[in-house]
PDB file of N, CA and C in Angstrom:
ATOM      1  N   MET A   1    -107.294 102.131 -64.510  1.00  0.00           N
ATOM      2  CA  MET A   1    -106.494 101.216 -63.709  1.00  0.00           C
ATOM      3  C   MET A   1    -107.316  99.959 -63.429  1.00  0.00           C
ATOM      4  N   SER A   2    -106.639  98.837 -63.472  1.00  0.00           N
ATOM      5  CA  SER A   2    -107.243  97.546 -63.181  1.00  0.00           C
ATOM      6  C   SER A   2    -106.584  96.947 -61.952  1.00  0.00           C
ATOM      7  N   GLU A   3    -107.256  95.977 -61.355  1.00  0.00           N
ATOM      8  CA  GLU A   3    -106.704  95.304 -60.182  1.00  0.00           C
ATOM      9  C   GLU A   3    -106.064  93.989 -60.587  1.00  0.00           C
ATOM     10  N   PHE A   4    -104.959  93.664 -59.894  1.00  0.00           N
ATOM     11  CA  PHE A   4    -104.222  92.434 -60.141  1.00  0.00           C
ATOM     12  C   PHE A   4    -103.881  91.794 -58.808  1.00  0.00           C
ATOM     13  N   LEU A   5    -103.873  90.483 -58.793  1.00  0.00           N
ATOM     14  CA  LEU A   5    -103.538  89.724 -57.596  1.00  0.00           C
ATOM     15  C   LEU A   5    -102.138  89.162 -57.741  1.00  0.00           C
ATOM     16  N   TYR A   6    -101.301  89.448 -56.770  1.00  0.00           N
ATOM     17  CA  TYR A   6     -99.981  88.829 -56.694  1.00  0.00           C
ATOM     18  C   TYR A   6    -100.142  87.618 -55.782  1.00  0.00           C
ATOM     19  N   ILE A   7     -99.807  86.452 -56.298  1.00  0.00           N
ATOM     20  CA  ILE A   7     -99.852  85.224 -55.513  1.00  0.00           C
ATOM     21  C   ILE A   7     -98.411  84.777 -55.316  1.00  0.00           C
ATOM     22  N   TYR A   8     -97.988  84.698 -54.070  1.00  0.00           N
ATOM     23  CA  TYR A   8     -96.602  84.356 -53.766  1.00  0.00           C
ATOM     24  C   TYR A   8     -96.499  82.843 -53.609  1.00  0.00           C
ATOM     25  N   ARG A   9     -95.723  82.214 -54.499  1.00  0.00           N
ATOM     26  CA  ARG A   9     -95.603  80.758 -54.509  1.00  0.00           C
ATOM     27  C   ARG A   9     -94.160  80.327 -54.281  1.00  0.00           C
ATOM     28  N   GLY A  10     -94.033  79.145 -53.662  1.00  0.00           N
ATOM     29  CA  GLY A  10     -92.724  78.517 -53.494  1.00  0.00           C
ATOM     30  C   GLY A  10     -91.793  79.321 -52.618  1.00  0.00           C
ATOM     31  N   GLY A  11     -90.525  78.989 -52.705  1.00  0.00           N
ATOM     32  CA  GLY A  11     -89.520  79.690 -51.914  1.00  0.00           C
ATOM     33  C   GLY A  11     -89.521  79.236 -50.477  1.00  0.00           C
ATOM     34  N   ASP A  12     -88.644  79.813 -49.707  1.00  0.00           N
ATOM     35  CA  ASP A  12     -88.517  79.499 -48.287  1.00  0.00           C
ATOM     36  C   ASP A  12     -89.292  80.535 -47.500  1.00  0.00           C
ATOM     37  N   SER A  13     -90.601  80.626 -47.746  1.00  0.00           N
ATOM     38  CA  SER A  13     -91.412  81.666 -47.114  1.00  0.00           C
ATOM     39  C   SER A  13     -91.537  81.477 -45.611  1.00  0.00           C
ATOM     40  N   ALA A  14     -91.386  80.251 -45.144  1.00  0.00           N
ATOM     41  CA  ALA A  14     -91.485  80.022 -43.707  1.00  0.00           C
ATOM     42  C   ALA A  14     -90.217  80.471 -42.996  1.00  0.00           C
ATOM     43  N   GLY A  15     -89.132  80.658 -43.751  1.00  0.00           N
ATOM     44  CA  GLY A  15     -87.884  81.097 -43.146  1.00  0.00           C
ATOM     45  C   GLY A  15     -87.283  80.066 -42.216  1.00  0.00           C
ATOM     46  N   SER A  16     -87.574  78.796 -42.458  1.00  0.00           N
ATOM     47  CA  SER A  16     -87.161  77.735 -41.546  1.00  0.00           C
ATOM     48  C   SER A  16     -85.654  77.674 -41.350  1.00  0.00           C
ATOM     49  N   SER A  17     -84.882  78.069 -42.335  1.00  0.00           N
ATOM     50  CA  SER A  17     -83.427  77.991 -42.209  1.00  0.00           C
ATOM     51  C   SER A  17     -82.799  79.354 -41.912  1.00  0.00           C
ATOM     52  N   ALA A  18     -83.602  80.373 -41.751  1.00  0.00           N
ATOM     53  CA  ALA A  18     -83.085  81.724 -41.554  1.00  0.00           C
ATOM     54  C   ALA A  18     -82.915  82.031 -40.064  1.00  0.00           C
ATOM     55  N   SER A  19     -81.885  82.800 -39.760  1.00  0.00           N
ATOM     56  CA  SER A  19     -81.681  83.268 -38.393  1.00  0.00           C
ATOM     57  C   SER A  19     -82.678  84.391 -38.111  1.00  0.00           C
ATOM     58  N   PRO A  20     -82.873  84.740 -36.845  1.00  0.00           N
ATOM     59  CA  PRO A  20     -83.765  85.868 -36.535  1.00  0.00           C
ATOM     60  C   PRO A  20     -83.336  87.164 -37.226  1.00  0.00           C
ATOM     61  N   GLU A  21     -82.026  87.376 -37.328  1.00  0.00           N
ATOM     62  CA  GLU A  21     -81.536  88.587 -37.984  1.00  0.00           C
ATOM     63  C   GLU A  21     -81.879  88.572 -39.482  1.00  0.00           C
ATOM     64  N   GLU A  22     -81.727  87.405 -40.115  1.00  0.00           N
ATOM     65  CA  GLU A  22     -82.062  87.282 -41.537  1.00  0.00           C
ATOM     66  C   GLU A  22     -83.562  87.466 -41.762  1.00  0.00           C
ATOM     67  N   MET A  23     -84.367  86.912 -40.858  1.00  0.00           N
ATOM     68  CA  MET A  23     -85.825  87.081 -40.983  1.00  0.00           C
ATOM     69  C   MET A  23     -86.202  88.551 -40.840  1.00  0.00           C
ATOM     70  N   GLN A  24     -85.547  89.271 -39.928  1.00  0.00           N
ATOM     71  CA  GLN A  24     -85.813  90.700 -39.733  1.00  0.00           C
ATOM     72  C   GLN A  24     -85.450  91.486 -40.992  1.00  0.00           C
ATOM     73  N   LYS A  25     -84.296  91.171 -41.593  1.00  0.00           N
ATOM     74  CA  LYS A  25     -83.880  91.852 -42.822  1.00  0.00           C
ATOM     75  C   LYS A  25     -84.873  91.595 -43.944  1.00  0.00           C
ATOM     76  N   THR A  26     -85.336  90.353 -44.050  1.00  0.00           N
ATOM     77  CA  THR A  26     -86.318  90.006 -45.078  1.00  0.00           C
ATOM     78  C   THR A  26     -87.609  90.783 -44.859  1.00  0.00           C
ATOM     79  N   MET A  27     -88.060  90.855 -43.613  1.00  0.00           N
ATOM     80  CA  MET A  27     -89.295  91.597 -43.307  1.00  0.00           C
ATOM     81  C   MET A  27     -89.128  93.073 -43.653  1.00  0.00           C
ATOM     82  N   GLN A  28     -87.965  93.639 -43.384  1.00  0.00           N
ATOM     83  CA  GLN A  28     -87.722  95.039 -43.727  1.00  0.00           C
ATOM     84  C   GLN A  28     -87.780  95.257 -45.241  1.00  0.00           C
ATOM     85  N   LYS A  29     -87.297  94.292 -46.007  1.00  0.00           N
ATOM     86  CA  LYS A  29     -87.373  94.392 -47.469  1.00  0.00           C
ATOM     87  C   LYS A  29     -88.829  94.364 -47.932  1.00  0.00           C
ATOM     88  N   TRP A  30     -89.647  93.483 -47.322  1.00  0.00           N
ATOM     89  CA  TRP A  30     -91.061  93.414 -47.686  1.00  0.00           C
ATOM     90  C   TRP A  30     -91.763  94.744 -47.359  1.00  0.00           C
ATOM     91  N   VAL A  31     -91.490  95.289 -46.177  1.00  0.00           N
ATOM     92  CA  VAL A  31     -92.111  96.554 -45.768  1.00  0.00           C
ATOM     93  C   VAL A  31     -91.706  97.667 -46.728  1.00  0.00           C
ATOM     94  N   ALA A  32     -90.439  97.723 -47.088  1.00  0.00           N
ATOM     95  CA  ALA A  32     -89.965  98.768 -48.007  1.00  0.00           C
ATOM     96  C   ALA A  32     -90.607  98.626 -49.381  1.00  0.00           C
ATOM     97  N   TRP A  33     -90.727  97.391 -49.879  1.00  0.00           N
ATOM     98  CA  TRP A  33     -91.329  97.169 -51.194  1.00  0.00           C
ATOM     99  C   TRP A  33     -92.812  97.543 -51.184  1.00  0.00           C
ATOM    100  N   MET A  34     -93.517  97.154 -50.121  1.00  0.00           N
ATOM    101  CA  MET A  34     -94.940  97.504 -50.014  1.00  0.00           C
ATOM    102  C   MET A  34     -95.118  99.022 -49.907  1.00  0.00           C
ATOM    103  N   LYS A  35     -94.230  99.677 -49.154  1.00  0.00           N
ATOM    104  CA  LYS A  35     -94.301 101.135 -49.035  1.00  0.00           C
ATOM    105  C   LYS A  35     -94.086 101.782 -50.394  1.00  0.00           C
ATOM    106  N   GLU A  36     -93.124 101.291 -51.153  1.00  0.00           N
ATOM    107  CA  GLU A  36     -92.861 101.826 -52.489  1.00  0.00           C
ATOM    108  C   GLU A  36     -94.086 101.672 -53.393  1.00  0.00           C
ATOM    109  N   LEU A  37     -94.700 100.497 -53.370  1.00  0.00           N
ATOM    110  CA  LEU A  37     -95.922 100.294 -54.168  1.00  0.00           C
ATOM    111  C   LEU A  37     -97.014 101.263 -53.734  1.00  0.00           C
ATOM    112  N   GLY A  38     -97.159 101.448 -52.419  1.00  0.00           N
ATOM    113  CA  GLY A  38     -98.162 102.367 -51.898  1.00  0.00           C
ATOM    114  C   GLY A  38     -97.880 103.809 -52.274  1.00  0.00           C
ATOM    115  N   ASP A  39     -96.620 104.227 -52.157  1.00  0.00           N
ATOM    116  CA  ASP A  39     -96.245 105.600 -52.498  1.00  0.00           C
ATOM    117  C   ASP A  39     -96.489 105.902 -53.978  1.00  0.00           C
ATOM    118  N   GLN A  40     -96.370 104.867 -54.821  1.00  0.00           N
ATOM    119  CA  GLN A  40     -96.602 105.034 -56.256  1.00  0.00           C
ATOM    120  C   GLN A  40     -98.091 104.920 -56.620  1.00  0.00           C
ATOM    121  N   GLY A  41     -98.935 104.616 -55.623  1.00  0.00           N
ATOM    122  CA  GLY A  41    -100.366 104.511 -55.869  1.00  0.00           C
ATOM    123  C   GLY A  41    -100.805 103.165 -56.438  1.00  0.00           C
ATOM    124  N   HIS A  42     -99.963 102.148 -56.316  1.00  0.00           N
ATOM    125  CA  HIS A  42    -100.304 100.842 -56.877  1.00  0.00           C
ATOM    126  C   HIS A  42    -100.845  99.851 -55.859  1.00  0.00           C
ATOM    127  N   LEU A  43    -100.633 100.075 -54.572  1.00  0.00           N
ATOM    128  CA  LEU A  43    -101.038  99.111 -53.554  1.00  0.00           C
ATOM    129  C   LEU A  43    -102.513  99.285 -53.226  1.00  0.00           C
ATOM    130  N   LYS A  44    -103.299  98.276 -53.541  1.00  0.00           N
ATOM    131  CA  LYS A  44    -104.740  98.299 -53.272  1.00  0.00           C
ATOM    132  C   LYS A  44    -105.033  97.638 -51.916  1.00  0.00           C
ATOM    133  N   ALA A  45    -104.425  96.468 -51.670  1.00  0.00           N
ATOM    134  CA  ALA A  45    -104.579  95.759 -50.399  1.00  0.00           C
ATOM    135  C   ALA A  45    -103.283  95.004 -50.126  1.00  0.00           C
ATOM    136  N   ILE A  46    -102.705  95.230 -48.961  1.00  0.00           N
ATOM    137  CA  ILE A  46    -101.425  94.624 -48.637  1.00  0.00           C
ATOM    138  C   ILE A  46    -101.507  93.103 -48.612  1.00  0.00           C
ATOM    139  N   GLY A  47    -102.674  92.545 -48.323  1.00  0.00           N
ATOM    140  CA  GLY A  47    -102.815  91.097 -48.252  1.00  0.00           C
ATOM    141  C   GLY A  47    -102.208  90.555 -46.978  1.00  0.00           C
ATOM    142  N   ASN A  48    -102.017  89.247 -46.958  1.00  0.00           N
ATOM    143  CA  ASN A  48    -101.474  88.583 -45.780  1.00  0.00           C
ATOM    144  C   ASN A  48    -100.741  87.316 -46.181  1.00  0.00           C
ATOM    145  N   PRO A  49     -99.781  86.899 -45.361  1.00  0.00           N
ATOM    146  CA  PRO A  49     -99.199  85.579 -45.582  1.00  0.00           C
ATOM    147  C   PRO A  49    -100.235  84.538 -45.174  1.00  0.00           C
ATOM    148  N   LEU A  50    -100.103  83.351 -45.706  1.00  0.00           N
ATOM    149  CA  LEU A  50    -101.025  82.271 -45.389  1.00  0.00           C
ATOM    150  C   LEU A  50    -100.326  81.200 -44.563  1.00  0.00           C
ATOM    151  N   GLU A  51    -101.067  80.595 -43.652  1.00  0.00           N
ATOM    152  CA  GLU A  51    -100.541  79.472 -42.873  1.00  0.00           C
ATOM    153  C   GLU A  51    -100.318  78.290 -43.815  1.00  0.00           C
ATOM    154  N   PRO A  52     -99.350  77.439 -43.525  1.00  0.00           N
ATOM    155  CA  PRO A  52     -99.099  76.289 -44.404  1.00  0.00           C
ATOM    156  C   PRO A  52    -100.137  75.174 -44.267  1.00  0.00           C
ATOM    157  N   THR A  53    -100.993  75.252 -43.256  1.00  0.00           N
ATOM    158  CA  THR A  53    -102.006  74.220 -43.047  1.00  0.00           C
ATOM    159  C   THR A  53    -103.329  74.655 -43.658  1.00  0.00           C
ATOM    160  N   GLY A  54    -104.280  73.754 -43.689  1.00  0.00           N
ATOM    161  CA  GLY A  54    -105.603  74.079 -44.193  1.00  0.00           C
ATOM    162  C   GLY A  54    -106.364  72.814 -44.521  1.00  0.00           C
ATOM    163  N   LYS A  55    -107.454  72.953 -45.222  1.00  0.00           N
ATOM    164  CA  LYS A  55    -108.289  71.846 -45.667  1.00  0.00           C
ATOM    165  C   LYS A  55    -108.529  72.002 -47.155  1.00  0.00           C
ATOM    166  N   VAL A  56    -108.689  70.888 -47.820  1.00  0.00           N
ATOM    167  CA  VAL A  56    -109.058  70.879 -49.227  1.00  0.00           C
ATOM    168  C   VAL A  56    -110.453  70.284 -49.316  1.00  0.00           C
ATOM    169  N   VAL A  57    -111.390  71.001 -49.928  1.00  0.00           N
ATOM    170  CA  VAL A  57    -112.760  70.538 -50.075  1.00  0.00           C
ATOM    171  C   VAL A  57    -113.009  70.245 -51.538  1.00  0.00           C
ATOM    172  N   LYS A  58    -113.455  69.027 -51.822  1.00  0.00           N
ATOM    173  CA  LYS A  58    -113.782  68.634 -53.192  1.00  0.00           C
ATOM    174  C   LYS A  58    -115.198  68.075 -53.196  1.00  0.00           C
ATOM    175  N   ILE A  59    -115.970  68.478 -54.181  1.00  0.00           N
ATOM    176  CA  ILE A  59    -117.331  67.963 -54.317  1.00  0.00           C
ATOM    177  C   ILE A  59    -117.422  67.284 -55.667  1.00  0.00           C
ATOM    178  N   ASN A  60    -117.829  66.026 -55.643  1.00  0.00           N
ATOM    179  CA  ASN A  60    -117.990  65.279 -56.886  1.00  0.00           C
ATOM    180  C   ASN A  60    -119.299  64.502 -56.829  1.00  0.00           C
ATOM    181  N   ALA A  61    -119.513  63.599 -57.756  1.00  0.00           N
ATOM    182  CA  ALA A  61    -120.761  62.840 -57.830  1.00  0.00           C
ATOM    183  C   ALA A  61    -120.994  62.003 -56.573  1.00  0.00           C
ATOM    184  N   LYS A  62    -119.941  61.628 -55.888  1.00  0.00           N
ATOM    185  CA  LYS A  62    -120.066  60.806 -54.676  1.00  0.00           C
ATOM    186  C   LYS A  62    -120.288  61.652 -53.429  1.00  0.00           C
ATOM    187  N   GLY A  63    -120.251  62.945 -53.568  1.00  0.00           N
ATOM    188  CA  GLY A  63    -120.455  63.827 -52.433  1.00  0.00           C
ATOM    189  C   GLY A  63    -119.250  64.679 -52.135  1.00  0.00           C
ATOM    190  N   LYS A  64    -119.198  65.126 -50.895  1.00  0.00           N
ATOM    191  CA  LYS A  64    -118.165  66.060 -50.476  1.00  0.00           C
ATOM    192  C   LYS A  64    -117.049  65.314 -49.755  1.00  0.00           C
ATOM    193  N   ALA A  65    -115.811  65.680 -50.064  1.00  0.00           N
ATOM    194  CA  ALA A  65    -114.663  65.105 -49.371  1.00  0.00           C
ATOM    195  C   ALA A  65    -113.820  66.246 -48.819  1.00  0.00           C
ATOM    196  N   ILE A  66    -113.522  66.181 -47.540  1.00  0.00           N
ATOM    197  CA  ILE A  66    -112.675  67.187 -46.908  1.00  0.00           C
ATOM    198  C   ILE A  66    -111.429  66.478 -46.407  1.00  0.00           C
ATOM    199  N   THR A  67    -110.287  66.962 -46.843  1.00  0.00           N
ATOM    200  CA  THR A  67    -109.024  66.364 -46.426  1.00  0.00           C
ATOM    201  C   THR A  67    -108.107  67.436 -45.881  1.00  0.00           C
ATOM    202  N   ASP A  68    -107.136  66.993 -45.087  1.00  0.00           N
ATOM    203  CA  ASP A  68    -106.105  67.928 -44.645  1.00  0.00           C
ATOM    204  C   ASP A  68    -105.318  68.357 -45.865  1.00  0.00           C
ATOM    205  N   GLY A  69    -104.843  69.549 -45.852  1.00  0.00           N
ATOM    206  CA  GLY A  69    -104.101  70.028 -46.995  1.00  0.00           C
ATOM    207  C   GLY A  69    -103.670  71.448 -46.741  1.00  0.00           C
ATOM    208  N   PRO A  70    -103.186  72.138 -47.695  1.00  0.00           N
ATOM    209  CA  PRO A  70    -102.979  71.668 -49.065  1.00  0.00           C
ATOM    210  C   PRO A  70    -101.776  70.735 -49.155  1.00  0.00           C
ATOM    211  N   HIS A  71    -101.900  69.744 -50.017  1.00  0.00           N
ATOM    212  CA  HIS A  71    -100.796  68.819 -50.262  1.00  0.00           C
ATOM    213  C   HIS A  71    -100.319  69.058 -51.679  1.00  0.00           C
ATOM    214  N   ALA A  72     -99.320  69.845 -51.798  1.00  0.00           N
ATOM    215  CA  ALA A  72     -98.742  70.166 -53.099  1.00  0.00           C
ATOM    216  C   ALA A  72     -97.236  70.229 -52.916  1.00  0.00           C
ATOM    217  N   GLU A  73     -96.539  70.220 -54.012  1.00  0.00           N
ATOM    218  CA  GLU A  73     -95.097  70.407 -53.926  1.00  0.00           C
ATOM    219  C   GLU A  73     -94.830  71.806 -53.381  1.00  0.00           C
ATOM    220  N   ALA A  74     -93.734  71.953 -52.661  1.00  0.00           N
ATOM    221  CA  ALA A  74     -93.419  73.247 -52.035  1.00  0.00           C
ATOM    222  C   ALA A  74     -93.431  74.379 -53.041  1.00  0.00           C
ATOM    223  N   LYS A  75     -92.993  74.127 -54.272  1.00  0.00           N
ATOM    224  CA  LYS A  75     -92.944  75.184 -55.275  1.00  0.00           C
ATOM    225  C   LYS A  75     -94.339  75.665 -55.666  1.00  0.00           C
ATOM    226  N   ASP A  76     -95.372  74.854 -55.383  1.00  0.00           N
ATOM    227  CA  ASP A  76     -96.733  75.210 -55.756  1.00  0.00           C
ATOM    228  C   ASP A  76     -97.544  75.800 -54.609  1.00  0.00           C
ATOM    229  N   LEU A  77     -97.028  75.727 -53.384  1.00  0.00           N
ATOM    230  CA  LEU A  77     -97.776  76.248 -52.246  1.00  0.00           C
ATOM    231  C   LEU A  77     -97.905  77.763 -52.326  1.00  0.00           C
ATOM    232  N   VAL A  78     -99.075  78.252 -52.007  1.00  0.00           N
ATOM    233  CA  VAL A  78     -99.319  79.692 -51.970  1.00  0.00           C
ATOM    234  C   VAL A  78     -98.955  80.190 -50.585  1.00  0.00           C
ATOM    235  N   GLY A  79     -98.004  81.128 -50.530  1.00  0.00           N
ATOM    236  CA  GLY A  79     -97.548  81.656 -49.250  1.00  0.00           C
ATOM    237  C   GLY A  79     -98.261  82.919 -48.825  1.00  0.00           C
ATOM    238  N   GLY A  80     -98.918  83.593 -49.767  1.00  0.00           N
ATOM    239  CA  GLY A  80     -99.616  84.832 -49.447  1.00  0.00           C
ATOM    240  C   GLY A  80    -100.055  85.532 -50.708  1.00  0.00           C
ATOM    241  N   TYR A  81    -100.589  86.731 -50.536  1.00  0.00           N
ATOM    242  CA  TYR A  81    -101.134  87.475 -51.674  1.00  0.00           C
ATOM    243  C   TYR A  81    -101.105  88.970 -51.401  1.00  0.00           C
ATOM    244  N   THR A  82    -101.208  89.738 -52.467  1.00  0.00           N
ATOM    245  CA  THR A  82    -101.327  91.196 -52.406  1.00  0.00           C
ATOM    246  C   THR A  82    -102.179  91.621 -53.594  1.00  0.00           C
ATOM    247  N   ILE A  83    -102.951  92.674 -53.452  1.00  0.00           N
ATOM    248  CA  ILE A  83    -103.735  93.224 -54.554  1.00  0.00           C
ATOM    249  C   ILE A  83    -103.140  94.575 -54.931  1.00  0.00           C
ATOM    250  N   VAL A  84    -102.836  94.734 -56.218  1.00  0.00           N
ATOM    251  CA  VAL A  84    -102.264  95.980 -56.718  1.00  0.00           C
ATOM    252  C   VAL A  84    -103.136  96.528 -57.842  1.00  0.00           C
ATOM    253  N   GLU A  85    -102.931  97.806 -58.134  1.00  0.00           N
ATOM    254  CA  GLU A  85    -103.569  98.451 -59.276  1.00  0.00           C
ATOM    255  C   GLU A  85    -102.488  98.809 -60.277  1.00  0.00           C
ATOM    256  N   ALA A  86    -102.778  98.566 -61.538  1.00  0.00           N
ATOM    257  CA  ALA A  86    -101.842  98.899 -62.606  1.00  0.00           C
ATOM    258  C   ALA A  86    -102.652  99.151 -63.870  1.00  0.00           C
ATOM    259  N   LYS A  87    -102.021  99.804 -64.867  1.00  0.00           N
ATOM    260  CA  LYS A  87    -102.751 100.120 -66.094  1.00  0.00           C
ATOM    261  C   LYS A  87    -103.038  98.867 -66.920  1.00  0.00           C
ATOM    262  N   ASP A  88    -102.140  97.853 -66.820  1.00  0.00           N
ATOM    263  CA  ASP A  88    -102.350  96.615 -67.571  1.00  0.00           C
ATOM    264  C   ASP A  88    -101.499  95.506 -66.968  1.00  0.00           C
ATOM    265  N   LEU A  89    -101.630  94.311 -67.518  1.00  0.00           N
ATOM    266  CA  LEU A  89    -100.910  93.153 -67.005  1.00  0.00           C
ATOM    267  C   LEU A  89     -99.400  93.337 -67.099  1.00  0.00           C
ATOM    268  N   ASP A  90     -98.929  93.953 -68.173  1.00  0.00           N
ATOM    269  CA  ASP A  90     -97.490  94.173 -68.312  1.00  0.00           C
ATOM    270  C   ASP A  90     -96.937  95.052 -67.194  1.00  0.00           C
ATOM    271  N   GLU A  91     -97.646  96.128 -66.867  1.00  0.00           N
ATOM    272  CA  GLU A  91     -97.181  96.994 -65.788  1.00  0.00           C
ATOM    273  C   GLU A  91     -97.229  96.256 -64.452  1.00  0.00           C
ATOM    274  N   ALA A  92     -98.286  95.491 -64.222  1.00  0.00           N
ATOM    275  CA  ALA A  92     -98.395  94.737 -62.967  1.00  0.00           C
ATOM    276  C   ALA A  92     -97.242  93.747 -62.835  1.00  0.00           C
ATOM    277  N   ALA A  93     -96.893  93.078 -63.928  1.00  0.00           N
ATOM    278  CA  ALA A  93     -95.770  92.134 -63.908  1.00  0.00           C
ATOM    279  C   ALA A  93     -94.462  92.872 -63.646  1.00  0.00           C
ATOM    280  N   GLU A  94     -94.283  94.002 -64.248  1.00  0.00           N
ATOM    281  CA  GLU A  94     -93.061  94.793 -64.057  1.00  0.00           C
ATOM    282  C   GLU A  94     -92.932  95.235 -62.599  1.00  0.00           C
ATOM    283  N   LEU A  95     -94.032  95.663 -61.995  1.00  0.00           N
ATOM    284  CA  LEU A  95     -94.016  96.096 -60.595  1.00  0.00           C
ATOM    285  C   LEU A  95     -93.638  94.955 -59.659  1.00  0.00           C
ATOM    286  N   SER A  96     -93.980  93.726 -60.021  1.00  0.00           N
ATOM    287  CA  SER A  96     -93.699  92.581 -59.150  1.00  0.00           C
ATOM    288  C   SER A  96     -92.208  92.266 -59.069  1.00  0.00           C
ATOM    289  N   LYS A  97     -91.420  92.778 -59.995  1.00  0.00           N
ATOM    290  CA  LYS A  97     -89.994  92.443 -60.042  1.00  0.00           C
ATOM    291  C   LYS A  97     -89.221  92.893 -58.810  1.00  0.00           C
ATOM    292  N   GLY A  98     -89.760  93.822 -58.038  1.00  0.00           N
ATOM    293  CA  GLY A  98     -89.091  94.266 -56.817  1.00  0.00           C
ATOM    294  C   GLY A  98     -89.404  93.413 -55.601  1.00  0.00           C
ATOM    295  N   CYS A  99     -90.191  92.375 -55.768  1.00  0.00           N
ATOM    296  CA  CYS A  99     -90.639  91.549 -54.645  1.00  0.00           C
ATOM    297  C   CYS A  99     -89.481  90.780 -54.003  1.00  0.00           C
ATOM    298  N   PRO A 100     -89.347  90.860 -52.682  1.00  0.00           N
ATOM    299  CA  PRO A 100     -88.289  90.136 -51.980  1.00  0.00           C
ATOM    300  C   PRO A 100     -88.449  88.614 -52.045  1.00  0.00           C
ATOM    301  N   HIS A 101     -89.604  88.120 -52.425  1.00  0.00           N
ATOM    302  CA  HIS A 101     -89.849  86.679 -52.479  1.00  0.00           C
ATOM    303  C   HIS A 101     -88.913  85.983 -53.467  1.00  0.00           C
ATOM    304  N   PHE A 102     -88.465  86.704 -54.479  1.00  0.00           N
ATOM    305  CA  PHE A 102     -87.545  86.124 -55.455  1.00  0.00           C
ATOM    306  C   PHE A 102     -86.216  85.732 -54.801  1.00  0.00           C
ATOM    307  N   GLU A 103     -85.832  86.439 -53.754  1.00  0.00           N
ATOM    308  CA  GLU A 103     -84.553  86.181 -53.080  1.00  0.00           C
ATOM    309  C   GLU A 103     -84.528  84.852 -52.343  1.00  0.00           C
ATOM    310  N   THR A 104     -85.705  84.268 -52.079  1.00  0.00           N
ATOM    311  CA  THR A 104     -85.776  82.991 -51.371  1.00  0.00           C
ATOM    312  C   THR A 104     -86.177  81.857 -52.310  1.00  0.00           C
ATOM    313  N   GLY A 105     -86.060  82.094 -53.615  1.00  0.00           N
ATOM    314  CA  GLY A 105     -86.371  81.046 -54.587  1.00  0.00           C
ATOM    315  C   GLY A 105     -87.838  80.956 -54.959  1.00  0.00           C
ATOM    316  N   GLY A 106     -88.640  81.903 -54.493  1.00  0.00           N
ATOM    317  CA  GLY A 106     -90.059  81.896 -54.807  1.00  0.00           C
ATOM    318  C   GLY A 106     -90.351  82.616 -56.106  1.00  0.00           C
ATOM    319  N   PHE A 107     -91.613  82.600 -56.483  1.00  0.00           N
ATOM    320  CA  PHE A 107     -92.040  83.356 -57.654  1.00  0.00           C
ATOM    321  C   PHE A 107     -93.388  83.993 -57.391  1.00  0.00           C
ATOM    322  N   VAL A 108     -93.714  84.977 -58.228  1.00  0.00           N
ATOM    323  CA  VAL A 108     -94.956  85.730 -58.087  1.00  0.00           C
ATOM    324  C   VAL A 108     -95.829  85.454 -59.301  1.00  0.00           C
ATOM    325  N   GLU A 109     -97.011  84.937 -59.037  1.00  0.00           N
ATOM    326  CA  GLU A 109     -97.994  84.758 -60.101  1.00  0.00           C
ATOM    327  C   GLU A 109     -98.826  86.038 -60.144  1.00  0.00           C
ATOM    328  N   VAL A 110     -98.926  86.651 -61.300  1.00  0.00           N
ATOM    329  CA  VAL A 110     -99.658  87.908 -61.457  1.00  0.00           C
ATOM    330  C   VAL A 110    -100.932  87.600 -62.226  1.00  0.00           C
ATOM    331  N   ARG A 111    -102.087  87.843 -61.594  1.00  0.00           N
ATOM    332  CA  ARG A 111    -103.369  87.499 -62.212  1.00  0.00           C
ATOM    333  C   ARG A 111    -104.296  88.703 -62.228  1.00  0.00           C
ATOM    334  N   PRO A 112    -104.904  89.001 -63.377  1.00  0.00           N
ATOM    335  CA  PRO A 112    -105.909  90.058 -63.428  1.00  0.00           C
ATOM    336  C   PRO A 112    -107.136  89.631 -62.620  1.00  0.00           C
ATOM    337  N   ILE A 113    -107.728  90.587 -61.925  1.00  0.00           N
ATOM    338  CA  ILE A 113    -108.957  90.315 -61.183  1.00  0.00           C
ATOM    339  C   ILE A 113    -110.118  90.741 -62.057  1.00  0.00           C
ATOM    340  N   MET A 114    -110.980  89.800 -62.379  1.00  0.00           N
ATOM    341  CA  MET A 114    -112.129  90.078 -63.237  1.00  0.00           C
ATOM    342  C   MET A 114    -113.169  90.860 -62.445  1.00  0.00           C
ATOM    343  N   GLN A 115    -113.654  91.929 -63.023  1.00  0.00           N
ATOM    344  CA  GLN A 115    -114.683  92.739 -62.378  1.00  0.00           C
ATOM    345  C   GLN A 115    -116.045  92.228 -62.805  1.00  0.00           C
ATOM    346  N   ILE A 116    -116.878  91.893 -61.825  1.00  0.00           N
ATOM    347  CA  ILE A 116    -118.221  91.409 -62.101  1.00  0.00           C
ATOM    348  C   ILE A 116    -119.190  92.474 -61.592  1.00  0.00           C
ATOM    349  N   ASN A 117    -120.008  92.980 -62.466  1.00  0.00           N
ATOM    350  CA  ASN A 117    -120.993  93.984 -62.077  1.00  0.00           C
ATOM    351  C   ASN A 117    -122.288  93.281 -61.705  1.00  0.00           C
ATOM    352  N   MET A 118    -122.731  93.565 -60.496  1.00  0.00           N
ATOM    353  CA  MET A 118    -123.965  92.930 -60.017  1.00  0.00           C
ATOM    354  C   MET A 118    -125.002  93.981 -59.734  1.00  0.00           C
TER     355      MET A 118
END
């Protein structure tokens, strides 16, 4: 088994237009999906949602620049992450299809985590 990172991008992850009841239903879907992944032995780390604010640090020949950010199009913003275990990238991608994030117009980037032996 290998580890994979699910990166949740885009969509209405903040729920800005959702009623409290809709937000509760969405949260219940996330809990059920995470439980299913866990029951199947695929959930390595539940992860967390990310705040929309932050800083961007860039280092170049002129030195370090720190700016408010991230400043990206909404479709590119990372809303959160989860770490799963799967036999290969295809299985990890298949497992992501149950993610409730798709219902809000978001998408899931599935990335293999490289193991570095130190």
